[in-house]
Each structure stands twice: as structure tokens, then as C-alpha cells.
Amino acid sequence: MKKFFLIAAAAALVLSSCSKNTVSEDTSDVNAIGFGTYSNKATKSSSTFIANGAKLTNNTMFGVYGYLTLNNTYEGATAHTPAFMPNQFVTYAAGTPDTYTYNPKRYWPKDETTKISFYAYFPYTDASNPTGITVSTMPNKDTDGQGSFDYTVNDTPANQVDFMVSDFVKDLTYSNAGKAVAEGGTASGSEGLVKLTFHHMLTKIGVRVKTTVDTDTEIKITK
């Protein structure tokens, strides 16, 4: 069984001591934090895996980490703790429109100088929903940084999961979440909507065997 250690981190992270921040949220329904997702750069070809540019599988969950940095940028903040959303599971359901549900609901801060940064992984994992992804090294609400994933590939191909990690989107507010990436948003097209682009962390390895013996010779590959 092979183990892979994968780090989901932005470049040049500045790590420091922990702190707890509180912020006034606008709890009107229109101001709720929403999500949109799609996968990118598919490397595994299988009907059970998510293709390049496709949406997530219906009725599946992904985990979200949200970092509140008040009136500072992520790089400029003195602490990087995901207290705002510490491994929050979000359920995706296909429809018109698609829905992303989670509880408790979180809302964008009233003051748009307060910024939130996000990243997510798929599929969501905890003790009641084991997937082969170990999140023991992931940050909790009080620890600093973006952590790492310890992933063990299941020996049975049918039980393997399409492990993905999203881009880290920084310094979002309700107004800029829908703007182009070049403008600091996630290009979701809608205010208040965090668009998460997932990237496949695994690749499929194919093996071919060629022999020069006659066709009546039986060959068995055991490992």
C-alpha cells in the first residue's frame, strides 16, 4: 500500500501565533456565503472519477477551510487560523440551479474591509465518512497554516476515491467574490459566490505486458 503526502498551501505562507477574531456578519439570506465548484486538469480516466471541467458528483461532500483576516490581506495578517470555517462539510446537489448546503450557515461580513480566504478538498472525510484521506494533520480552528493531507491509496481500485484539492482563493469579500481572478475574485460571476477550482491529486498508472511466447502459453501476473 502506497502513501502519498500532499500539501495544500499557498506559496510563501507567513506563519505566526494563533488568535481568535470576531466579526459582525450580515445574516440576510442574500448575503450568505455560497459556493460553486468544478474540476480541472483531470488525469484519471474512469466513469467514477470527475472529468476535466465537470461538476462534482451529485450528492457528494467536500470540506472547506475559511480564514478570516479582518482588515488585512492573508499575507499581511499576523495569524492564519481557519476559525471561520474549520473543515466545514458542504453537500453538493445537482439541479437548476445547483445547490451547496452546509450548517451552520455563514455570512459575509458587513464591513468589506474584512476579508476571508478559502480552500477545499474532496471528498470530505471524518470518522463517520472514511475515504482513505487522513485529516489528522489538517488545521483545526485554533491552529496556524493550511496543513497537509495524508492519503493512502486503497488496494482495491473500485474503492479508490478521486482525491482533489482546490486552489487557495484569497482576500474575498461579498462584492469581489464574483469578479475576475485578475481583480482579486474567483470569477464566479455572482457576488457572494466563492468559486472553487479543484485539481486532481492522483494520476492513473497503466501497465502493459508484451510477450513473445506462443498463444497457447498461459501467463499469470501476480504482482
Protein backbone atom coordinates (compact mmCIF):
# COMPACT_ATOMS: atom_id res chain seq x y z
CA MET A 1 0.00 0.00 0.00
CA LYS A 2 1.50 3.33 -1.08
CA LYS A 3 1.21 6.52 0.97
CA PHE A 4 1.23 9.97 -0.57
CA PHE A 5 1.77 13.16 1.40
CA LEU A 6 0.17 16.13 -0.28
CA ILE A 7 0.36 19.71 0.88
CA ALA A 8 -2.34 22.26 0.17
CA ALA A 9 -0.62 25.56 0.75
CA ALA A 10 -0.17 28.94 -0.85
CA ALA A 11 3.36 29.98 -1.70
CA ALA A 12 5.37 31.89 0.88
CA LEU A 13 3.00 31.46 3.80
CA VAL A 14 3.80 33.56 6.82
CA LEU A 15 3.06 31.52 9.94
CA SER A 16 2.70 33.06 13.37
CA SER A 17 0.93 32.65 16.69
CA CYS A 18 -2.80 31.92 16.84
CA SER A 19 -5.52 34.44 17.51
CA LYS A 20 -9.31 34.47 17.58
CA ASN A 21 -11.22 37.11 15.68
CA THR A 22 -14.88 38.03 15.80
CA VAL A 23 -16.73 39.91 13.12
CA SER A 24 -20.23 41.24 12.51
CA GLU A 25 -21.94 39.19 9.79
CA ASP A 26 -24.86 40.35 7.65
CA THR A 27 -27.29 37.47 8.23
CA SER A 28 -29.71 38.31 5.43
CA ASP A 29 -30.24 35.35 3.07
CA VAL A 30 -28.84 37.21 0.09
CA ASN A 31 -25.58 37.72 1.99
CA ALA A 32 -24.95 34.04 2.80
CA ILE A 33 -21.64 32.65 1.59
CA GLY A 34 -22.31 30.46 -1.43
CA PHE A 35 -20.10 28.06 -3.37
CA GLY A 36 -19.58 26.95 -6.93
CA THR A 37 -17.19 24.18 -7.99
CA TYR A 38 -15.68 22.41 -10.95
CA SER A 39 -12.70 20.17 -11.52
CA ASN A 40 -9.65 20.95 -13.58
CA LYS A 41 -6.81 19.02 -15.25
CA ALA A 42 -8.24 15.52 -14.97
CA THR A 43 -5.61 12.80 -15.04
CA LYS A 44 -7.61 9.66 -14.29
CA SER A 45 -9.92 8.15 -16.89
CA SER A 46 -12.79 6.32 -15.20
CA SER A 47 -16.56 6.58 -15.03
CA THR A 48 -16.32 7.01 -11.26
CA PHE A 49 -13.91 9.93 -11.45
CA ILE A 50 -14.68 13.55 -12.23
CA ALA A 51 -13.70 14.70 -15.70
CA ASN A 52 -11.90 17.89 -16.60
CA GLY A 53 -14.28 20.86 -16.50
CA ALA A 54 -17.08 18.81 -14.95
CA LYS A 55 -19.04 19.42 -11.78
CA LEU A 56 -18.72 17.31 -8.68
CA THR A 57 -20.66 14.07 -8.40
CA ASN A 58 -24.25 14.63 -7.27
CA ASN A 59 -24.88 14.36 -3.50
CA THR A 60 -21.23 14.35 -2.52
CA MET A 61 -19.45 16.42 0.12
CA PHE A 62 -16.28 18.48 0.20
CA GLY A 63 -14.52 20.10 3.17
CA VAL A 64 -13.92 23.87 3.33
CA TYR A 65 -11.42 25.89 5.33
CA GLY A 66 -12.11 29.61 5.75
CA TYR A 67 -9.55 32.10 7.07
CA LEU A 68 -10.80 35.45 8.41
CA THR A 69 -8.15 38.18 8.39
CA LEU A 70 -10.27 41.22 9.32
CA ASN A 71 -8.94 44.37 7.64
CA ASN A 72 -5.73 42.76 6.45
CA THR A 73 -4.69 40.63 3.49
CA TYR A 74 -3.88 36.97 4.01
CA GLU A 75 -0.15 37.54 3.57
CA GLY A 76 -0.25 40.63 5.77
CA ALA A 77 -2.15 39.02 8.63
CA THR A 78 -0.35 38.12 11.85
CA ALA A 79 -2.16 34.76 12.13
CA HIS A 80 -3.58 32.19 9.70
CA THR A 81 -6.16 30.15 11.59
CA PRO A 82 -9.27 28.70 9.84
CA ALA A 83 -11.58 29.55 12.73
CA PHE A 84 -14.22 30.97 10.38
CA MET A 85 -14.74 27.62 8.63
CA PRO A 86 -12.72 24.77 10.18
CA ASN A 87 -13.19 21.76 7.87
CA GLN A 88 -16.83 22.64 7.18
CA PHE A 89 -18.51 19.98 5.08
CA VAL A 90 -20.60 21.21 2.16
CA THR A 91 -23.02 18.98 0.26
CA TYR A 92 -23.40 19.44 -3.48
CA ALA A 93 -26.70 18.59 -5.20
CA ALA A 94 -27.18 18.88 -8.95
CA GLY A 95 -30.21 20.81 -10.07
CA THR A 96 -31.48 24.02 -11.65
CA PRO A 97 -29.76 25.75 -10.03
CA ASP A 98 -27.18 23.52 -8.35
CA THR A 99 -27.20 23.80 -4.57
CA TYR A 100 -24.45 23.74 -1.96
CA THR A 101 -25.72 23.29 1.59
CA TYR A 102 -23.87 23.43 4.89
CA ASN A 103 -24.65 24.09 8.55
CA PRO A 104 -24.21 26.39 10.38
CA LYS A 105 -24.71 28.94 7.64
CA ARG A 106 -22.03 31.61 7.45
CA TYR A 107 -22.42 35.10 6.06
CA TRP A 108 -20.19 37.73 4.54
CA PRO A 109 -19.04 40.44 6.99
CA LYS A 110 -20.88 43.75 6.84
CA ASP A 111 -17.60 45.63 6.65
CA GLU A 112 -15.94 44.78 3.33
CA THR A 113 -12.52 45.69 4.65
CA THR A 114 -12.84 42.31 6.41
CA LYS A 115 -11.51 39.59 4.13
CA ILE A 116 -11.91 35.80 4.02
CA SER A 117 -9.69 33.29 2.22
CA PHE A 118 -10.82 29.79 1.26
CA TYR A 119 -9.68 26.41 0.04
CA ALA A 120 -11.34 23.00 -0.02
CA TYR A 121 -10.65 19.32 -0.54
CA PHE A 122 -12.77 16.48 -1.95
CA PRO A 123 -14.22 14.18 -0.77
CA TYR A 124 -14.98 15.32 2.78
CA THR A 125 -13.55 12.98 5.37
CA ASP A 126 -14.17 12.37 9.06
CA ALA A 127 -14.56 9.39 11.40
CA SER A 128 -18.10 8.70 10.13
CA ASN A 129 -17.20 9.15 6.47
CA PRO A 130 -13.82 7.44 5.87
CA THR A 131 -12.44 7.83 2.36
CA GLY A 132 -8.75 6.98 2.67
CA ILE A 133 -7.84 10.60 3.36
CA THR A 134 -6.37 11.22 6.79
CA VAL A 135 -7.02 14.71 8.13
CA SER A 136 -5.20 14.36 11.45
CA THR A 137 -2.58 16.85 10.27
CA MET A 138 -5.13 19.32 8.98
CA PRO A 139 -5.54 22.56 10.93
CA ASN A 140 -8.37 22.94 13.39
CA LYS A 141 -9.97 26.28 14.22
CA ASP A 142 -7.11 27.29 16.52
CA THR A 143 -4.02 26.12 14.64
CA ASP A 144 -1.94 28.03 12.16
CA GLY A 145 -1.44 27.36 8.47
CA GLN A 146 -3.10 25.25 5.79
CA GLY A 147 -1.85 21.85 6.90
CA SER A 148 -1.32 18.73 4.82
CA PHE A 149 -3.15 15.59 3.76
CA ASP A 150 -2.01 12.03 4.43
CA TYR A 151 -3.58 9.92 1.70
CA THR A 152 -3.38 6.15 1.41
CA VAL A 153 -4.48 4.64 -1.90
CA ASN A 154 -6.86 1.72 -1.40
CA ASP A 155 -5.58 -1.57 -2.79
CA THR A 156 -8.97 -2.22 -4.42
CA PRO A 157 -9.42 0.05 -7.48
CA ALA A 158 -13.20 0.17 -7.05
CA ASN A 159 -12.73 1.64 -3.56
CA GLN A 160 -10.31 4.36 -4.59
CA VAL A 161 -11.55 7.94 -4.49
CA ASP A 162 -10.83 10.91 -6.73
CA PHE A 163 -8.85 12.95 -4.22
CA MET A 164 -8.82 16.65 -5.15
CA VAL A 165 -7.70 19.92 -3.58
CA SER A 166 -8.89 23.33 -4.73
CA ASP A 167 -6.95 26.47 -5.45
CA PHE A 168 -6.48 28.78 -2.47
CA VAL A 169 -8.59 31.91 -3.10
CA LYS A 170 -7.51 34.87 -1.03
CA ASP A 171 -8.91 38.08 0.40
CA LEU A 172 -12.52 37.74 -0.70
CA THR A 173 -15.45 39.95 0.24
CA TYR A 174 -19.10 39.75 -0.81
CA SER A 175 -18.53 42.22 -3.65
CA ASN A 176 -15.30 40.89 -5.13
CA ALA A 177 -16.03 37.13 -4.91
CA GLY A 178 -17.67 37.20 -8.34
CA LYS A 179 -15.01 39.27 -10.05
CA ALA A 180 -12.26 38.04 -12.33
CA VAL A 181 -9.24 36.39 -10.74
CA ALA A 182 -7.07 39.25 -12.02
CA GLU A 183 -9.25 41.59 -9.95
CA GLY A 184 -8.86 39.54 -6.79
CA GLY A 185 -12.03 37.46 -7.11
CA THR A 186 -12.85 33.91 -8.21
CA ALA A 187 -14.64 34.73 -11.48
CA SER A 188 -17.88 33.14 -10.27
CA GLY A 189 -19.97 35.79 -11.99
CA SER A 190 -22.08 36.33 -8.88
CA GLU A 191 -21.44 38.48 -5.83
CA GLY A 192 -21.03 36.42 -2.66
CA LEU A 193 -20.28 33.19 -4.55
CA VAL A 194 -16.93 31.50 -3.91
CA LYS A 195 -15.89 29.51 -6.96
CA LEU A 196 -13.52 26.68 -6.05
CA THR A 197 -11.44 25.12 -8.82
CA PHE A 198 -10.44 21.59 -7.80
CA HIS A 199 -7.31 19.85 -9.06
CA HIS A 200 -6.84 16.08 -9.15
CA MET A 201 -4.07 14.99 -6.80
CA LEU A 202 -3.67 11.47 -8.21
CA THR A 203 -2.83 10.07 -11.61
CA LYS A 204 -3.66 6.68 -13.07
CA ILE A 205 -0.75 4.37 -13.86
CA GLY A 206 -1.35 1.91 -16.69
CA VAL A 207 0.75 -1.21 -17.25
CA ARG A 208 1.00 -3.28 -20.44
CA VAL A 209 2.71 -6.65 -20.74
CA LYS A 210 4.02 -7.96 -24.05
CA THR A 211 5.33 -11.46 -24.59
CA THR A 212 6.93 -13.35 -27.46
CA VAL A 213 5.72 -16.83 -26.40
CA ASP A 214 3.07 -18.66 -28.41
CA THR A 215 -0.62 -18.01 -27.79
CA ASP A 216 -1.14 -21.42 -26.16
CA THR A 217 1.12 -20.49 -23.24
CA GLU A 218 -0.76 -19.25 -20.18
CA ILE A 219 0.79 -16.30 -18.35
CA LYS A 220 -0.24 -15.13 -14.88
CA ILE A 221 0.85 -11.83 -13.35
CA THR A 222 0.62 -11.91 -9.56
CA LYS A 223 2.21 -8.60 -8.59
